[in-house]
């Protein structure tokens, strides 16, 4: 799973803030919602341009990156 299929960084969109590909929704917003105890469904309801699959895949990619041992 490649994050380039999920996230776009474009200086023309929010000054290069990483957004879900094909949207103007910053990826950071997903994490902010979850940190504030909103559910994934509540986030998706507020940002319908983000599909459930996109959100799940970003979360899975983040988990894998955090739990993967650093290369020596």
N, C-alpha and C. Protein backbone atom coordinates (compact mmCIF):
# COMPACT_ATOMS: atom_id res chain seq x y z
N UNK A 1 0.85 -1.17 0.00
CA UNK A 1 0.00 0.00 0.00
C UNK A 1 0.89 1.23 0.00
N UNK A 2 0.73 2.05 -0.98
CA UNK A 2 1.59 3.21 -1.16
C UNK A 2 0.82 4.47 -0.80
N UNK A 3 1.37 5.29 0.08
CA UNK A 3 0.67 6.50 0.52
C UNK A 3 0.47 7.50 -0.62
N UNK A 4 1.24 7.39 -1.70
CA UNK A 4 1.05 8.31 -2.82
C UNK A 4 -0.29 8.06 -3.50
N UNK A 5 -0.89 6.90 -3.29
CA UNK A 5 -2.22 6.62 -3.83
C UNK A 5 -3.31 7.21 -2.96
N UNK A 6 -2.95 7.66 -1.77
CA UNK A 6 -3.92 8.14 -0.80
C UNK A 6 -3.82 9.62 -0.51
N UNK A 7 -2.62 10.17 -0.62
CA UNK A 7 -2.34 11.53 -0.16
C UNK A 7 -1.71 12.34 -1.28
N UNK A 8 -2.13 13.59 -1.37
CA UNK A 8 -1.56 14.52 -2.34
C UNK A 8 -0.91 15.68 -1.59
N UNK A 9 0.27 16.08 -2.03
CA UNK A 9 0.93 17.28 -1.52
C UNK A 9 1.16 18.18 -2.72
N UNK A 10 0.41 19.27 -2.75
CA UNK A 10 0.45 20.19 -3.89
C UNK A 10 0.49 21.62 -3.35
N UNK A 11 1.49 22.40 -3.75
CA UNK A 11 1.58 23.77 -3.25
C UNK A 11 0.33 24.61 -3.56
N UNK A 12 -0.44 24.20 -4.53
CA UNK A 12 -1.66 24.93 -4.91
C UNK A 12 -2.85 24.58 -4.02
N UNK A 13 -2.73 23.53 -3.22
CA UNK A 13 -3.82 23.11 -2.33
C UNK A 13 -3.35 23.28 -0.89
N UNK A 14 -3.92 24.23 -0.21
CA UNK A 14 -3.58 24.52 1.19
C UNK A 14 -2.07 24.68 1.40
N UNK A 15 -1.41 25.28 0.44
CA UNK A 15 0.02 25.56 0.57
C UNK A 15 0.89 24.33 0.72
N UNK A 16 0.43 23.20 0.20
CA UNK A 16 1.23 21.98 0.26
C UNK A 16 0.91 21.08 1.44
N UNK A 17 -0.11 21.41 2.21
CA UNK A 17 -0.54 20.55 3.30
C UNK A 17 -0.99 19.21 2.72
N UNK A 18 -0.56 18.09 3.27
CA UNK A 18 -1.02 16.79 2.76
C UNK A 18 -2.54 16.65 2.89
N UNK A 19 -3.19 16.34 1.78
CA UNK A 19 -4.64 16.15 1.75
C UNK A 19 -4.95 14.77 1.18
N UNK A 20 -6.16 14.29 1.48
CA UNK A 20 -6.61 13.05 0.85
C UNK A 20 -6.68 13.30 -0.65
N UNK A 21 -6.12 12.37 -1.42
CA UNK A 21 -6.06 12.52 -2.87
C UNK A 21 -7.45 12.76 -3.45
N UNK A 22 -7.55 13.77 -4.32
CA UNK A 22 -8.80 14.09 -4.98
C UNK A 22 -9.74 14.94 -4.13
N UNK A 23 -9.26 15.39 -2.96
CA UNK A 23 -10.08 16.22 -2.08
C UNK A 23 -9.27 17.44 -1.64
N UNK A 24 -9.90 18.25 -0.83
CA UNK A 24 -9.21 19.37 -0.18
C UNK A 24 -9.26 19.17 1.33
N UNK A 25 -9.34 17.92 1.76
CA UNK A 25 -9.43 17.59 3.18
C UNK A 25 -8.04 17.21 3.69
N UNK A 26 -7.47 18.02 4.58
CA UNK A 26 -6.16 17.68 5.13
C UNK A 26 -6.19 16.35 5.89
N UNK A 27 -5.18 15.55 5.69
CA UNK A 27 -5.08 14.26 6.39
C UNK A 27 -5.04 14.51 7.90
N UNK A 28 -4.39 15.58 8.30
CA UNK A 28 -4.29 15.92 9.71
C UNK A 28 -5.67 16.02 10.37
N UNK A 29 -6.66 16.43 9.60
CA UNK A 29 -8.01 16.58 10.14
C UNK A 29 -8.56 15.25 10.64
N UNK A 30 -8.27 14.17 9.94
CA UNK A 30 -8.71 12.85 10.40
C UNK A 30 -8.16 12.56 11.78
N UNK A 31 -6.87 12.80 11.97
CA UNK A 31 -6.25 12.53 13.26
C UNK A 31 -6.77 13.47 14.35
N UNK A 32 -7.03 14.71 13.99
CA UNK A 32 -7.59 15.66 14.96
C UNK A 32 -8.98 15.21 15.42
N UNK A 33 -9.80 14.74 14.50
CA UNK A 33 -11.13 14.24 14.86
C UNK A 33 -11.02 13.04 15.80
N UNK A 34 -10.16 12.11 15.46
CA UNK A 34 -10.02 10.91 16.29
C UNK A 34 -9.46 11.28 17.67
N UNK A 35 -8.52 12.19 17.72
CA UNK A 35 -7.97 12.64 19.00
C UNK A 35 -9.02 13.32 19.86
N UNK A 36 -10.01 13.93 19.23
CA UNK A 36 -11.09 14.62 19.94
C UNK A 36 -12.25 13.66 20.26
N UNK A 37 -12.00 12.37 20.10
CA UNK A 37 -12.98 11.32 20.42
C UNK A 37 -14.18 11.25 19.48
N UNK A 38 -14.03 11.78 18.28
CA UNK A 38 -15.05 11.55 17.26
C UNK A 38 -14.80 10.18 16.66
N UNK A 39 -15.84 9.57 16.15
CA UNK A 39 -15.67 8.27 15.49
C UNK A 39 -15.27 8.49 14.03
N UNK A 40 -14.80 7.42 13.43
CA UNK A 40 -14.47 7.47 12.01
C UNK A 40 -15.72 7.81 11.20
N UNK A 41 -16.85 7.24 11.58
CA UNK A 41 -18.10 7.53 10.88
C UNK A 41 -18.47 9.01 10.98
N UNK A 42 -18.24 9.62 12.13
CA UNK A 42 -18.53 11.05 12.28
C UNK A 42 -17.62 11.88 11.39
N UNK A 43 -16.35 11.51 11.32
CA UNK A 43 -15.43 12.21 10.43
C UNK A 43 -15.92 12.09 8.99
N UNK A 44 -16.27 10.88 8.57
CA UNK A 44 -16.71 10.66 7.20
C UNK A 44 -18.00 11.41 6.89
N UNK A 45 -18.86 11.54 7.87
CA UNK A 45 -20.10 12.29 7.67
C UNK A 45 -19.80 13.77 7.44
N UNK A 46 -18.80 14.29 8.15
CA UNK A 46 -18.43 15.71 8.00
C UNK A 46 -17.65 15.98 6.72
N UNK A 47 -16.97 14.96 6.21
CA UNK A 47 -16.12 15.12 5.02
C UNK A 47 -16.47 14.03 4.00
N UNK A 48 -17.61 14.16 3.35
CA UNK A 48 -18.07 13.11 2.45
C UNK A 48 -17.19 12.88 1.22
N UNK A 49 -16.29 13.79 0.93
CA UNK A 49 -15.39 13.57 -0.21
C UNK A 49 -14.31 12.53 0.11
N UNK A 50 -14.14 12.22 1.40
CA UNK A 50 -13.20 11.18 1.82
C UNK A 50 -14.00 9.88 1.94
N UNK A 51 -13.58 8.85 1.23
CA UNK A 51 -14.29 7.59 1.30
C UNK A 51 -13.85 6.80 2.53
N UNK A 52 -14.70 5.90 3.00
CA UNK A 52 -14.29 5.05 4.13
C UNK A 52 -13.00 4.29 3.84
N UNK A 53 -12.85 3.82 2.62
CA UNK A 53 -11.64 3.08 2.25
C UNK A 53 -10.40 3.97 2.35
N UNK A 54 -10.51 5.19 1.87
CA UNK A 54 -9.37 6.12 1.94
C UNK A 54 -8.95 6.35 3.39
N UNK A 55 -9.92 6.61 4.25
CA UNK A 55 -9.61 6.89 5.66
C UNK A 55 -8.99 5.67 6.32
N UNK A 56 -9.56 4.50 6.08
CA UNK A 56 -9.01 3.27 6.69
C UNK A 56 -7.60 3.00 6.21
N UNK A 57 -7.36 3.20 4.93
CA UNK A 57 -6.03 2.93 4.38
C UNK A 57 -4.99 3.90 4.93
N UNK A 58 -5.36 5.16 5.13
CA UNK A 58 -4.43 6.12 5.73
C UNK A 58 -4.12 5.70 7.16
N UNK A 59 -5.14 5.29 7.89
CA UNK A 59 -4.91 4.84 9.27
C UNK A 59 -4.03 3.59 9.30
N UNK A 60 -4.29 2.65 8.41
CA UNK A 60 -3.48 1.43 8.35
C UNK A 60 -2.04 1.75 7.96
N UNK A 61 -1.85 2.65 7.01
CA UNK A 61 -0.49 3.03 6.59
C UNK A 61 0.24 3.71 7.74
N UNK A 62 -0.46 4.55 8.47
CA UNK A 62 0.14 5.23 9.62
C UNK A 62 0.53 4.24 10.69
N UNK A 63 -0.35 3.30 10.95
CA UNK A 63 -0.06 2.27 11.96
C UNK A 63 1.18 1.48 11.55
N UNK A 64 1.21 1.07 10.30
CA UNK A 64 2.36 0.27 9.81
C UNK A 64 3.65 1.07 9.92
N UNK A 65 3.60 2.35 9.59
CA UNK A 65 4.81 3.18 9.66
C UNK A 65 5.28 3.35 11.10
N UNK A 66 4.34 3.46 12.01
CA UNK A 66 4.71 3.66 13.42
C UNK A 66 5.19 2.39 14.08
N UNK A 67 4.66 1.25 13.67
CA UNK A 67 5.00 -0.01 14.31
C UNK A 67 6.14 -0.76 13.63
N UNK A 68 6.51 -0.32 12.44
CA UNK A 68 7.59 -0.97 11.71
C UNK A 68 8.93 -0.59 12.35
N UNK A 69 9.75 -1.58 12.65
CA UNK A 69 11.07 -1.25 13.22
C UNK A 69 11.88 -0.39 12.25
N UNK A 70 12.56 0.57 12.79
CA UNK A 70 13.39 1.47 11.96
C UNK A 70 14.52 0.66 11.32
N UNK A 71 14.83 1.00 10.09
CA UNK A 71 15.91 0.32 9.41
C UNK A 71 17.23 0.70 10.08
N UNK A 72 18.06 -0.28 10.26
CA UNK A 72 19.35 -0.04 10.94
C UNK A 72 20.36 0.54 9.98
